[in-house]
Amino acid sequence: MTTPVETPTDETTPVRAAAGRTWRSRDGLVLRDTVPAPLRRRWARREECPDTGLYAAFAEHVRDHGDRTAVRTPDVALTYRDLDLRVRAMASALGALGAGPGDVVGIRLTGGWPALAADLAVAALGAVALPWPTGQGTRESHALLELSRARYLVSDTPLDHRHGPLPYLERLTTVGELLYGDPDGCVPAVVDPEDPARVLVSSGSEAAPKMTAYSHNALLGGRGTYVDAVLRGTGTSTSAGTGDGAGDCPAALVLVPLASSFGSFGLVALARCGATLHLLDRFDPGAALRAVTDWRPTHVVAVPTMLGRIADHPTVPGEDLGSLRAVVSSGAPLTSTVLAAALRRFGRPVTNVYGSSDGVNCRITWTGSDGDVRRVGHPDPRVTDLRVCGADDRPLPAGHSGEIQARGPMSPLAYVGAADLDLRYRTDDGWIRTGDLGVFDADGSLRVLDRIRQTVIRGGWTISPAEVEEELDTHPHVAEAACVPVPDPDLGERLCAFLVQRPDTAPLTVAELSAYLTGERGLARRKLPELVLHLDRLPLGATGKVCRRTLAAAALARQPEDPVRAPRR
C-alpha cells in the first residue's frame, strides 16, 4: 500500500530535495510521510530502526521467553505465550471479518490485556491500529473514526450515532467475539516497516484531539529506544548519581491509559523490550501503592498529577516500595514541588520525559530536587534530534530562545485526516514544529520554557500558566493547582487559578495569594491570578492529565461578582 518515491540514496543528497513515501488505505485515506525517504533509509542502515514489524518483534519475545509474565492485572496474569494465544485468536477473527493490510481499525477499550491484545492483533494483520481512551467524548470519538476512515471498531460499548453517519465503518465487534477466533488460523502479514502501524491520539490540550500516524520503525526504533533507555536506566542523569542501574527484565506499573500517547509506553515496552506490564483497572493512589508492594515492579509510569497524589497519600499497610528502580513522569510539565514529593515518597530517581504524540522526546533523571525542572536533558539522536529555531525555521545558537523542533528515528509519518496540520507543523525537510519555547544551555542541555500555544494574553502581556502553577505549588496550603484563561471584554483574557488545598486550611483568597506570589515568590503583578476557585480534586481527562477544558468551562460559569475575584487592575 506504499508508493515509494524514487530519490537518490547518497547520504550527501540534500534531504529537502527528496519527498517521503505515500501510503493509501483501502478507503482512500492518504498519509504522506513528512520525513524525506533518504533519512528513513539512513536510520535503518544505522540500526536506529529495527526494520521489522510490530507483531514480529513481539513474537520474537514469545519465542525467547514465552513463560515470562507479559501483563498482570488485579484479575489475571498472562505470560507472553498466553497473551500471544489471545492475539492470534483476535487477529484470526478480525481477518475473517475482512480486515487486513490497508485498513484502519479503531480500538475503544478500557485497558488491561484486551487493549494490548487488540493492538497486537491489528499489527499481525498488517492493518493500522487506532486506539483512544474511553473517556473521550462521543463527538470526539465520531471525529476520530470519520477522519481516519476506520473500517472496523473493536469496542465493548455501543457506538453512539447521534453525530451523524460513519460511511467507512463496516463493523463493530467486541473482544468477546474476537476471542472465538482460531489462533492457528492466524498467518501474520509481512509488513513494510515504514508503513503505518499505529495512530497516537493527542490528549486534546488544544481545541480537539489530533491523530498522528507512526510506522513500525518509528515505534520500535526511536520510540522503542527511549522506552528501553528509561526502563534499563540509561537515561541522562542529574543531581549526583544515575540510580541503581539496569536489569534484564524490567517490570512497569503503568498508571496512564494504554490508549493515550504516553500510554503507548506499555505496548512498546512489550514489543521492543520484553518487559512485564502491571496494570490497574483505574487510577487510585492507595491501589497504586499496594500494587508496588504486592507486584514488585521496577518502575512506576505516571503523569505528574498522579505522582503528586500518590506522594500525598498515607502509608498503606505493609507498604514496601523497595523493588522500584525509578519513577517515570511525562504527559505534563513536572513541577519542582511534585519532583521533591516523589523523590521523598518513593526514595528513587525520577525520570522526567519531555515528549508528545508529535514525535518529540528528551529525558532527564533527577536524584535531587535542587535543580531547574525546566531542564529536560540532552537530545538523544537515536530517538530524535532537537533544535531551537527562530520564526524563519533557522536554528539559533545556544543561549537564544525559540521554538523547539524535532526530527529523528521517532518522527511520525503524518497527521491523520488533517493535511493542514502537516503544513502548519512540519517544515519542508521533515522537522516538527512543537509549539514549545526552549533554549539550549552552553552544555548542550535543553530547557523547555513554555508552551507557545498554551499562554494567556492579558492586555497584550503574555502569561505562562505553567509558570504560575509552579509558584502556586510552593504555597504550604496548596496540594494541587491549575490555571486557565477566562475571557474578558476589556483585556482579552484573565488568569483563573483552581486550588485543591491541604486538609484543615482556610480557603485562600485572591489577596492572600497575591501577597504570597509577589512577596515570597517575586512574581510580577501582571501574572497574578484574578479569579480563584476551590475544588476537592482537580478533574482528570481520559489520559490522566488535568482536564483544562473542564476547568475553563467551570471558570466561565462563575459570576463576575464572585468574592474571590480580584478588582480590575
Protein backbone atom coordinates (compact mmCIF):
# COMPACT_ATOMS: atom_id res chain seq x y z
CA MET A 1 0.00 0.00 0.00
CA THR A 2 3.07 2.24 -0.11
CA THR A 3 4.18 4.24 -3.13
CA PRO A 4 7.93 4.85 -2.80
CA VAL A 5 9.34 7.98 -4.36
CA GLU A 6 12.42 7.46 -6.48
CA THR A 7 15.20 9.54 -4.96
CA PRO A 8 18.98 9.29 -4.71
CA THR A 9 20.23 7.40 -1.67
CA ASP A 10 23.62 9.05 -1.33
CA GLU A 11 23.94 10.44 2.19
CA THR A 12 25.20 13.74 0.79
CA THR A 13 21.92 14.33 -1.02
CA PRO A 14 20.14 17.36 0.45
CA VAL A 15 17.19 15.89 2.28
CA ARG A 16 14.97 18.83 1.35
CA ALA A 17 15.09 17.67 -2.28
CA ALA A 18 13.59 14.26 -1.55
CA ALA A 19 9.96 13.74 -0.61
CA GLY A 20 8.77 10.99 1.70
CA ARG A 21 6.66 7.95 0.87
CA THR A 22 2.91 7.84 0.42
CA TRP A 23 0.54 5.26 1.94
CA ARG A 24 -3.12 4.85 1.00
CA SER A 25 -5.75 2.94 2.89
CA ARG A 26 -8.33 0.81 1.12
CA ASP A 27 -10.88 3.53 1.82
CA GLY A 28 -8.80 6.36 0.42
CA LEU A 29 -7.01 7.77 3.49
CA VAL A 30 -3.70 9.22 2.28
CA LEU A 31 -0.66 9.53 4.56
CA ARG A 32 2.34 11.30 3.04
CA ASP A 33 5.46 10.83 5.10
CA THR A 34 6.77 14.25 6.03
CA VAL A 35 10.31 12.92 6.58
CA PRO A 36 12.44 12.51 3.42
CA ALA A 37 12.89 8.88 2.40
CA PRO A 38 16.74 9.00 2.37
CA LEU A 39 16.70 9.87 6.09
CA ARG A 40 14.42 6.94 6.88
CA ARG A 41 16.74 4.60 4.99
CA ARG A 42 19.77 6.08 6.71
CA TRP A 43 18.31 5.41 10.17
CA ALA A 44 17.51 1.82 9.21
CA ARG A 45 21.05 1.24 7.88
CA ARG A 46 22.47 2.55 11.14
CA GLU A 47 20.17 0.15 13.03
CA GLU A 48 18.47 3.06 14.78
CA CYS A 49 15.30 1.44 13.43
CA PRO A 50 14.96 -2.37 13.53
CA ASP A 51 13.37 -2.77 10.06
CA THR A 52 10.78 -5.22 11.34
CA GLY A 53 7.07 -5.22 12.10
CA LEU A 54 5.45 -4.60 15.48
CA TYR A 55 3.92 -8.06 15.77
CA ALA A 56 7.11 -9.77 14.53
CA ALA A 57 9.06 -8.04 17.31
CA PHE A 58 6.52 -9.19 19.91
CA ALA A 59 6.55 -12.75 18.50
CA GLU A 60 10.31 -12.88 18.96
CA HIS A 61 9.85 -12.33 22.70
CA VAL A 62 7.18 -15.04 22.72
CA ARG A 63 9.73 -17.46 21.23
CA ASP A 64 12.58 -16.37 23.51
CA HIS A 65 10.78 -16.17 26.87
CA GLY A 66 7.22 -17.37 26.43
CA ASP A 67 6.83 -18.20 30.13
CA ARG A 68 7.70 -14.69 31.30
CA THR A 69 4.79 -12.65 32.63
CA ALA A 70 3.71 -10.20 29.95
CA VAL A 71 0.85 -8.45 31.71
CA ARG A 72 -0.64 -8.56 35.19
CA THR A 73 -3.95 -7.04 36.29
CA PRO A 74 -5.92 -7.42 39.54
CA ASP A 75 -7.74 -10.35 37.91
CA VAL A 76 -5.19 -12.22 35.84
CA ALA A 77 -1.53 -12.70 34.98
CA LEU A 78 -0.68 -13.71 31.39
CA THR A 79 2.63 -14.98 30.11
CA TYR A 80 3.91 -13.90 26.72
CA ARG A 81 2.68 -17.21 25.34
CA ASP A 82 -0.77 -16.72 26.93
CA LEU A 83 -1.07 -13.21 25.52
CA ASP A 84 0.05 -14.31 22.07
CA LEU A 85 -2.64 -17.02 22.03
CA ARG A 86 -5.25 -14.29 22.53
CA VAL A 87 -3.58 -12.01 19.99
CA ARG A 88 -3.66 -14.66 17.29
CA ALA A 89 -7.28 -15.59 18.07
CA MET A 90 -8.33 -11.96 17.73
CA ALA A 91 -6.29 -11.49 14.55
CA SER A 92 -7.86 -14.59 13.02
CA ALA A 93 -11.38 -13.40 13.84
CA LEU A 94 -10.70 -9.86 12.55
CA GLY A 95 -9.26 -11.35 9.37
CA ALA A 96 -12.40 -13.45 8.91
CA LEU A 97 -14.42 -10.22 9.04
CA GLY A 98 -12.32 -8.89 6.17
CA ALA A 99 -9.76 -6.75 7.98
CA GLY A 100 -6.25 -6.74 6.58
CA PRO A 101 -3.44 -4.61 5.15
CA GLY A 102 -4.61 -1.16 4.16
CA ASP A 103 -7.32 -0.97 6.83
CA VAL A 104 -7.59 1.28 9.89
CA VAL A 105 -9.08 -0.46 12.93
CA GLY A 106 -10.42 1.63 15.80
CA ILE A 107 -9.90 0.31 19.35
CA ARG A 108 -12.01 1.75 22.16
CA LEU A 109 -11.38 -0.37 25.25
CA THR A 110 -10.91 0.48 28.90
CA GLY A 111 -7.45 -1.06 29.06
CA GLY A 112 -5.88 -4.19 30.52
CA TRP A 113 -4.67 -7.11 28.45
CA PRO A 114 -7.58 -6.87 25.93
CA ALA A 115 -6.33 -3.46 24.79
CA LEU A 116 -2.80 -4.80 24.29
CA ALA A 117 -4.06 -7.94 22.52
CA ALA A 118 -6.25 -5.91 20.15
CA ASP A 119 -3.34 -3.60 19.31
CA LEU A 120 -1.06 -6.51 18.52
CA ALA A 121 -3.77 -8.39 16.61
CA VAL A 122 -4.24 -5.44 14.28
CA ALA A 123 -0.46 -5.33 13.77
CA ALA A 124 -0.42 -9.05 12.98
CA LEU A 125 -2.94 -8.40 10.19
CA GLY A 126 -0.76 -5.67 8.72
CA ALA A 127 -3.51 -3.13 9.46
CA VAL A 128 -3.27 0.17 11.34
CA ALA A 129 -4.47 0.39 14.96
CA LEU A 130 -6.28 3.49 16.18
CA PRO A 131 -6.75 3.23 19.96
CA TRP A 132 -8.14 6.08 22.02
CA PRO A 133 -9.03 6.46 25.71
CA THR A 134 -12.63 5.60 26.59
CA GLY A 135 -13.01 8.94 28.35
CA GLN A 136 -13.05 10.86 25.06
CA GLY A 137 -16.46 12.38 24.32
CA THR A 138 -18.83 10.85 21.80
CA ARG A 139 -18.35 13.74 19.39
CA GLU A 140 -14.55 13.31 19.51
CA SER A 141 -14.85 9.55 19.03
CA HIS A 142 -17.05 10.11 15.99
CA ALA A 143 -14.50 12.56 14.55
CA LEU A 144 -11.62 10.10 15.06
CA LEU A 145 -13.47 7.33 13.21
CA GLU A 146 -14.60 9.62 10.42
CA LEU A 147 -11.25 11.32 9.75
CA SER A 148 -9.30 8.05 9.90
CA ARG A 149 -11.80 6.25 7.64
CA ALA A 150 -11.69 3.31 10.04
CA ARG A 151 -13.44 0.24 8.62
CA TYR A 152 -13.65 -1.71 11.88
CA LEU A 153 -14.10 -0.82 15.55
CA VAL A 154 -13.24 -3.06 18.50
CA SER A 155 -15.28 -1.88 21.46
CA ASP A 156 -17.22 -3.37 24.35
CA THR A 157 -19.64 -0.43 24.43
CA PRO A 158 -22.24 0.55 21.81
CA LEU A 159 -21.45 3.16 19.19
CA ASP A 160 -23.23 6.50 19.54
CA HIS A 161 -24.75 7.57 16.19
CA ARG A 162 -26.06 10.97 17.31
CA HIS A 163 -23.29 12.81 15.47
CA GLY A 164 -24.10 11.55 12.01
CA PRO A 165 -23.28 8.58 9.78
CA LEU A 166 -19.91 6.87 9.54
CA PRO A 167 -19.81 5.81 5.89
CA TYR A 168 -16.49 3.97 6.11
CA LEU A 169 -17.23 1.95 9.25
CA GLU A 170 -18.31 -1.57 8.27
CA ARG A 171 -18.35 -3.49 11.53
CA LEU A 172 -18.29 -3.04 15.31
CA THR A 173 -17.06 -6.10 17.16
CA THR A 174 -16.24 -6.93 20.77
CA VAL A 175 -13.30 -8.57 22.48
CA GLY A 176 -15.53 -11.49 23.43
CA GLU A 177 -16.48 -12.11 19.81
CA LEU A 178 -12.88 -11.90 18.62
CA LEU A 179 -11.60 -14.37 21.22
CA TYR A 180 -13.63 -17.09 19.45
CA GLY A 181 -11.17 -16.88 16.57
CA ASP A 182 -8.86 -19.80 15.79
CA PRO A 183 -5.28 -18.95 16.85
CA ASP A 184 -3.91 -21.49 14.39
CA GLY A 185 -5.72 -19.70 11.59
CA CYS A 186 -3.63 -16.57 12.06
CA VAL A 187 -0.97 -16.10 9.39
CA PRO A 188 0.86 -12.88 10.30
CA ALA A 189 1.18 -10.46 7.42
CA VAL A 190 4.55 -9.47 6.04
CA VAL A 191 4.69 -5.71 6.50
CA ASP A 192 6.87 -2.92 5.22
CA PRO A 193 8.44 -1.47 8.40
CA GLU A 194 7.98 2.04 7.03
CA ASP A 195 4.21 1.56 6.65
CA PRO A 196 1.91 2.91 9.38
CA ALA A 197 1.30 0.60 12.33
CA ARG A 198 -0.43 2.70 14.97
CA VAL A 199 -2.10 6.06 15.37
CA LEU A 200 -1.41 8.08 18.51
CA VAL A 201 -4.18 10.40 19.66
CA SER A 202 -3.29 13.60 21.46
CA SER A 203 -4.95 14.42 24.77
CA GLY A 204 -6.71 17.42 23.29
CA SER A 205 -4.71 20.14 25.07
CA GLU A 206 -5.74 22.36 22.19
CA ALA A 207 -9.22 22.58 20.65
CA ALA A 208 -9.56 18.94 19.62
CA PRO A 209 -7.50 15.73 19.66
CA LYS A 210 -5.00 15.20 16.85
CA MET A 211 -4.13 11.85 15.30
CA THR A 212 -0.52 11.10 14.39
CA ALA A 213 0.45 8.01 12.38
CA TYR A 214 3.57 6.08 13.39
CA SER A 215 5.34 3.46 11.30
CA HIS A 216 6.56 0.14 12.70
CA ASN A 217 10.09 1.51 12.56
CA ALA A 218 9.25 4.74 14.37
CA LEU A 219 7.50 2.84 17.17
CA LEU A 220 10.14 0.15 17.62
CA GLY A 221 13.10 2.32 16.66
CA GLY A 222 13.12 5.83 18.03
CA ARG A 223 10.23 5.40 20.45
CA GLY A 224 11.46 1.96 21.43
CA THR A 225 14.96 3.25 22.08
CA TYR A 226 13.63 5.86 24.51
CA VAL A 227 11.45 3.31 26.35
CA ASP A 228 14.34 0.84 26.55
CA ALA A 229 16.69 3.54 27.87
CA VAL A 230 14.19 4.59 30.53
CA LEU A 231 13.48 1.03 31.69
CA ARG A 232 17.10 -0.07 31.70
CA GLY A 233 18.47 3.00 33.45
CA THR A 234 20.45 4.52 30.59
CA GLY A 235 18.74 7.93 30.60
CA THR A 236 20.53 11.23 31.15
CA SER A 237 21.02 11.81 34.87
CA THR A 238 21.46 14.86 37.04
CA SER A 239 21.88 15.88 40.69
CA ALA A 240 24.52 13.29 41.52
CA GLY A 241 24.22 9.65 40.58
CA THR A 242 22.39 7.61 37.98
CA GLY A 243 20.16 5.34 40.03
CA ASP A 244 20.87 1.67 40.70
CA GLY A 245 21.47 0.58 37.14
CA ALA A 246 19.79 -1.67 34.62
CA GLY A 247 18.13 -5.04 34.84
CA ASP A 248 17.42 -7.79 32.34
CA CYS A 249 13.65 -7.85 32.82
CA PRO A 250 12.11 -4.53 33.76
CA ALA A 251 8.54 -4.50 35.07
CA ALA A 252 6.49 -1.32 34.80
CA LEU A 253 3.37 -0.34 36.73
CA VAL A 254 1.73 1.78 34.02
CA LEU A 255 -0.88 4.04 35.61
CA VAL A 256 -1.75 6.05 32.49
CA PRO A 257 -4.29 4.76 29.92
CA LEU A 258 -2.63 2.48 27.37
CA ALA A 259 -4.50 4.22 24.56
CA SER A 260 -3.01 7.62 25.38
CA SER A 261 0.13 8.90 23.70
CA PHE A 262 2.19 8.46 26.87
CA GLY A 263 0.42 5.15 27.50
CA SER A 264 1.82 3.73 24.25
CA PHE A 265 4.86 3.22 26.50
CA GLY A 266 3.19 -0.07 27.50
CA LEU A 267 2.84 -1.54 24.02
CA VAL A 268 6.38 -0.52 23.11
CA ALA A 269 7.75 -1.95 26.38
CA LEU A 270 6.25 -5.32 25.43
CA ALA A 271 7.20 -5.45 21.76
CA ARG A 272 10.62 -3.80 21.97
CA CYS A 273 11.86 -4.58 25.50
CA GLY A 274 10.15 -7.82 26.51
CA ALA A 275 9.08 -6.13 29.74
CA THR A 276 6.34 -7.07 32.19
CA LEU A 277 3.41 -4.66 32.48
CA HIS A 278 1.38 -4.21 35.66
CA LEU A 279 -1.99 -2.55 35.09
CA LEU A 280 -4.79 -1.35 37.38
CA ASP A 281 -8.43 -1.02 36.36
CA ARG A 282 -8.38 2.69 37.27
CA PHE A 283 -6.04 5.09 38.97
CA ASP A 284 -6.23 5.25 42.76
CA PRO A 285 -3.25 6.37 44.89
CA GLY A 286 -3.77 3.69 47.54
CA ALA A 287 -4.22 0.95 44.95
CA ALA A 288 -1.03 2.07 43.21
CA LEU A 289 0.96 1.85 46.45
CA ARG A 290 -0.48 -1.59 47.18
CA ALA A 291 0.38 -2.73 43.64
CA VAL A 292 4.01 -1.70 44.10
CA THR A 293 4.08 -3.58 47.41
CA ASP A 294 2.43 -6.74 46.08
CA TRP A 295 3.61 -6.94 42.47
CA ARG A 296 7.18 -5.62 42.91
CA PRO A 297 7.55 -3.57 39.70
CA THR A 298 10.84 -1.92 38.86
CA HIS A 299 9.21 1.29 37.55
CA VAL A 300 6.09 3.37 38.08
CA VAL A 301 4.89 5.21 34.96
CA ALA A 302 2.55 8.14 35.63
CA VAL A 303 1.69 11.76 34.88
CA PRO A 304 2.79 14.36 37.47
CA THR A 305 -0.71 14.76 38.91
CA MET A 306 -0.78 11.05 39.74
CA LEU A 307 2.66 11.18 41.32
CA GLY A 308 1.65 14.12 43.48
CA ARG A 309 -1.46 12.33 44.70
CA ILE A 310 0.48 9.15 45.48
CA ALA A 311 3.09 11.18 47.36
CA ASP A 312 0.37 12.79 49.48
CA HIS A 313 -1.39 9.51 50.25
CA PRO A 314 -0.99 7.96 53.72
CA THR A 315 1.19 4.90 54.04
CA VAL A 316 -0.74 1.73 53.18
CA PRO A 317 -0.48 -1.35 55.43
CA GLY A 318 2.73 -3.26 54.79
CA GLU A 319 3.92 -0.68 52.27
CA ASP A 320 7.20 -1.68 50.62
CA LEU A 321 8.50 0.34 47.65
CA GLY A 322 11.94 -1.26 47.64
CA SER A 323 11.53 -3.03 44.29
CA LEU A 324 11.50 0.26 42.41
CA ARG A 325 14.49 1.44 40.42
CA ALA A 326 12.93 4.66 39.17
CA VAL A 327 9.72 6.60 38.69
CA VAL A 328 8.84 7.81 35.18
CA SER A 329 6.92 11.06 34.71
CA SER A 330 5.61 12.51 31.46
CA GLY A 331 2.46 13.81 29.80
CA ALA A 332 2.57 17.21 31.52
CA PRO A 333 5.21 19.55 32.96
CA LEU A 334 6.85 18.26 36.14
CA THR A 335 6.91 20.89 38.88
CA SER A 336 9.63 21.19 41.49
CA THR A 337 7.05 20.52 44.20
CA VAL A 338 5.90 17.23 42.68
CA LEU A 339 9.51 16.24 41.96
CA ALA A 340 10.53 16.80 45.58
CA ALA A 341 7.45 14.96 46.87
CA ALA A 342 8.02 11.97 44.55
CA LEU A 343 11.72 11.71 45.43
CA ARG A 344 10.82 11.83 49.11
CA ARG A 345 7.99 9.29 48.96
CA PHE A 346 9.45 6.74 46.55
CA GLY A 347 13.10 7.14 47.55
CA ARG A 348 14.15 6.52 43.96
CA PRO A 349 15.25 8.65 40.97
CA VAL A 350 12.56 10.35 38.93
CA THR A 351 12.96 10.25 35.15
CA ASN A 352 11.13 13.14 33.52
CA VAL A 353 10.31 12.62 29.85
CA TYR A 354 9.58 15.65 27.72
CA GLY A 355 7.57 14.39 24.78
CA SER A 356 4.40 14.46 22.74
CA SER A 357 2.43 12.45 20.21
CA ASP A 358 4.12 14.56 17.51
CA GLY A 359 7.38 12.65 17.89
CA VAL A 360 9.14 14.88 20.42
CA ASN A 361 11.31 13.35 23.11
CA CYS A 362 14.04 14.25 25.60
CA ARG A 363 14.60 12.88 29.10
CA ILE A 364 16.46 13.57 32.31
CA THR A 365 16.75 11.61 35.55
CA TRP A 366 16.62 13.50 38.82
CA THR A 367 18.05 12.21 42.10
CA GLY A 368 17.70 15.56 43.89
CA SER A 369 15.19 18.39 43.71
CA ASP A 370 17.60 21.33 43.79
CA GLY A 371 17.78 21.87 40.02
CA ASP A 372 15.75 23.71 37.39
CA VAL A 373 12.88 21.37 36.45
CA ARG A 374 12.60 23.12 33.10
CA ARG A 375 15.75 21.23 32.14
CA VAL A 376 14.87 18.09 30.15
CA GLY A 377 18.33 16.76 29.36
CA HIS A 378 20.40 16.27 26.22
CA PRO A 379 18.68 15.12 23.00
CA ASP A 380 19.33 11.50 22.04
CA PRO A 381 19.83 11.36 18.24
CA ARG A 382 18.93 7.65 18.29
CA VAL A 383 15.46 8.84 19.34
CA THR A 384 15.17 12.30 17.83
CA ASP A 385 17.34 15.32 17.21
CA LEU A 386 16.15 18.63 18.63
CA ARG A 387 16.90 22.18 17.60
CA VAL A 388 15.75 25.64 18.68
CA CYS A 389 14.67 27.90 15.82
CA GLY A 390 13.51 31.42 15.12
CA ALA A 391 10.36 32.39 13.25
CA ASP A 392 12.12 31.62 9.94
CA ASP A 393 12.81 27.97 10.99
CA ARG A 394 16.55 28.67 11.12
CA PRO A 395 18.46 27.15 14.08
CA LEU A 396 19.54 29.55 16.83
CA PRO A 397 22.77 29.31 18.82
CA ALA A 398 22.92 28.23 22.46
CA GLY A 399 21.54 30.80 24.85
CA HIS A 400 18.90 32.09 22.40
CA SER A 401 15.28 31.05 22.98
CA GLY A 402 12.98 29.97 20.18
CA GLU A 403 10.63 27.23 19.07
CA ILE A 404 11.78 23.66 19.70
CA GLN A 405 11.78 21.47 16.58
CA ALA A 406 12.31 17.70 16.35
CA ARG A 407 13.30 15.17 13.69
CA GLY A 408 14.69 11.67 14.04
CA PRO A 409 14.00 7.92 14.06
CA MET A 410 10.98 8.54 16.28
CA SER A 411 9.36 11.01 13.90
CA PRO A 412 5.82 10.02 12.89
CA LEU A 413 4.69 9.82 9.29
CA ALA A 414 1.99 12.47 9.24
CA TYR A 415 -1.20 13.70 10.83
CA VAL A 416 -4.24 11.59 10.01
CA GLY A 417 -7.03 13.20 8.02
CA ALA A 418 -5.56 16.66 8.55
CA ALA A 419 -3.16 17.68 5.79
CA ASP A 420 -3.47 21.27 7.02
CA LEU A 421 -1.74 20.28 10.25
CA ASP A 422 1.18 18.84 8.30
CA LEU A 423 1.54 22.17 6.50
CA ARG A 424 1.33 24.07 9.77
CA TYR A 425 3.55 21.93 11.99
CA ARG A 426 6.07 20.37 9.58
CA THR A 427 8.92 22.00 7.71
CA ASP A 428 9.70 21.05 4.12
CA ASP A 429 12.51 18.78 5.27
CA GLY A 430 10.57 16.94 7.98
CA TRP A 431 11.24 18.90 11.18
CA ILE A 432 8.31 19.02 13.60
CA ARG A 433 7.33 22.42 14.95
CA THR A 434 6.47 21.62 18.56
CA GLY A 435 4.89 24.89 19.60
CA ASP A 436 7.19 24.84 22.64
CA LEU A 437 9.57 27.63 23.59
CA GLY A 438 13.02 26.43 24.61
CA VAL A 439 16.70 27.24 24.85
CA PHE A 440 19.89 25.21 24.73
CA ASP A 441 22.34 25.90 27.53
CA ALA A 442 26.07 26.06 26.92
CA ASP A 443 26.48 22.39 27.94
CA GLY A 444 24.02 21.26 25.26
CA SER A 445 21.11 20.53 27.59
CA LEU A 446 17.64 21.75 26.71
CA ARG A 447 15.33 23.84 28.86
CA VAL A 448 11.62 23.98 27.98
CA LEU A 449 10.48 27.49 28.83
CA ASP A 450 6.83 27.43 27.86
CA ARG A 451 4.13 26.13 25.55
CA ILE A 452 3.82 28.78 22.84
CA ARG A 453 0.22 27.77 22.15
CA GLN A 454 -0.76 27.49 25.84
CA THR A 455 -0.46 31.03 27.09
CA VAL A 456 -2.80 33.69 28.43
CA ILE A 457 -2.76 37.05 26.67
CA ARG A 458 -3.81 39.76 29.15
CA GLY A 459 -3.91 43.25 27.70
CA GLY A 460 -1.02 42.46 25.36
CA TRP A 461 1.05 40.74 28.07
CA THR A 462 1.77 37.02 27.69
CA ILE A 463 1.34 34.93 30.85
CA SER A 464 2.53 31.34 31.20
CA PRO A 465 0.01 29.25 33.21
CA ALA A 466 2.76 26.71 33.86
CA GLU A 467 4.96 29.35 35.49
CA VAL A 468 2.17 30.50 37.79
CA GLU A 469 1.23 26.91 38.66
CA GLU A 470 4.84 26.23 39.62
CA GLU A 471 4.75 29.12 42.09
CA LEU A 472 1.30 28.23 43.45
CA ASP A 473 2.53 24.70 44.19
CA THR A 474 5.07 26.12 46.63
CA HIS A 475 2.38 27.55 48.94
CA PRO A 476 2.24 25.42 52.10
CA HIS A 477 -1.59 25.25 51.97
CA VAL A 478 -1.80 24.17 48.30
CA ALA A 479 -1.92 20.48 47.36
CA GLU A 480 -2.71 20.96 43.65
CA ALA A 481 -3.07 23.94 41.36
CA ALA A 482 -4.06 24.57 37.76
CA CYS A 483 -4.51 27.83 35.85
CA VAL A 484 -6.71 28.54 32.83
CA PRO A 485 -7.68 31.68 30.90
CA VAL A 486 -11.11 33.27 31.17
CA PRO A 487 -12.42 35.71 28.52
CA ASP A 488 -12.50 39.37 29.44
CA PRO A 489 -14.08 42.12 27.29
CA ASP A 490 -11.52 44.67 28.44
CA LEU A 491 -8.19 42.83 28.48
CA GLY A 492 -8.97 39.85 26.25
CA GLU A 493 -8.12 37.22 28.87
CA ARG A 494 -7.52 36.98 32.60
CA LEU A 495 -5.98 34.17 34.63
CA CYS A 496 -8.09 31.89 36.84
CA ALA A 497 -6.44 29.62 39.43
CA PHE A 498 -8.08 26.41 40.65
CA LEU A 499 -6.77 25.22 44.00
CA VAL A 500 -7.02 21.98 45.94
CA GLN A 501 -5.95 22.85 49.45
CA ARG A 502 -4.46 20.67 52.13
CA PRO A 503 -6.75 19.45 54.92
CA ASP A 504 -7.67 21.87 57.70
CA THR A 505 -6.52 25.00 55.85
CA ALA A 506 -8.76 28.03 55.26
CA PRO A 507 -9.61 28.82 51.62
CA LEU A 508 -7.03 31.18 50.18
CA THR A 509 -8.32 34.45 48.72
CA VAL A 510 -7.02 36.37 45.74
CA ALA A 511 -5.49 38.94 48.08
CA GLU A 512 -3.70 36.32 50.16
CA LEU A 513 -2.37 34.55 47.06
CA SER A 514 -1.28 37.84 45.51
CA ALA A 515 0.64 38.79 48.65
CA TYR A 516 2.38 35.42 48.69
CA LEU A 517 3.18 35.29 44.98
CA THR A 518 4.58 38.83 44.86
CA GLY A 519 6.17 38.95 48.31
CA GLU A 520 7.54 35.43 48.79
CA ARG A 521 7.97 34.30 45.19
CA GLY A 522 8.67 37.58 43.38
CA LEU A 523 6.08 37.04 40.66
CA ALA A 524 5.21 40.06 38.52
CA ARG A 525 1.81 41.58 39.33
CA ARG A 526 0.61 41.21 35.74
CA LYS A 527 0.94 37.43 36.13
CA LEU A 528 -1.22 37.13 39.24
CA PRO A 529 -4.46 35.10 39.13
CA GLU A 530 -7.52 37.32 39.20
CA LEU A 531 -10.03 34.61 39.98
CA VAL A 532 -9.51 31.78 42.48
CA LEU A 533 -11.79 28.75 42.64
CA HIS A 534 -11.55 25.89 45.12
CA LEU A 535 -12.09 22.18 44.38
CA ASP A 536 -11.80 18.95 46.33
CA ARG A 537 -9.97 17.38 43.38
CA LEU A 538 -8.77 18.64 40.02
CA PRO A 539 -10.68 16.88 37.22
CA LEU A 540 -8.64 14.43 35.17
CA GLY A 541 -9.16 13.78 31.48
CA ALA A 542 -9.10 10.47 29.66
CA THR A 543 -5.29 10.39 29.63
CA GLY A 544 -4.89 11.03 33.35
CA LYS A 545 -3.83 14.65 32.95
CA VAL A 546 -5.69 17.62 34.37
CA CYS A 547 -8.67 18.38 32.09
CA ARG A 548 -8.24 22.08 31.38
CA ARG A 549 -11.32 22.28 29.21
CA THR A 550 -13.46 21.23 32.19
CA LEU A 551 -11.74 23.86 34.33
CA ALA A 552 -12.18 26.55 31.67
CA ALA A 553 -15.92 25.82 31.49
CA ALA A 554 -16.19 25.99 35.28
CA ALA A 555 -14.33 29.31 35.37
CA LEU A 556 -16.55 30.73 32.65
CA ALA A 557 -19.66 29.81 34.63
CA ARG A 558 -18.65 31.88 37.67
CA GLN A 559 -20.28 35.25 38.12
CA PRO A 560 -18.21 38.47 37.95
CA GLU A 561 -19.30 39.48 41.44
CA ASP A 562 -17.78 36.36 42.98
CA PRO A 563 -15.97 37.48 46.15
CA VAL A 564 -12.72 35.72 45.26
CA ARG A 565 -12.31 37.74 42.06
CA ALA A 566 -9.65 40.42 42.18
CA PRO A 567 -10.52 44.01 41.33
CA ARG A 568 -9.58 45.13 37.84
CA ARG A 569 -6.08 46.50 37.57
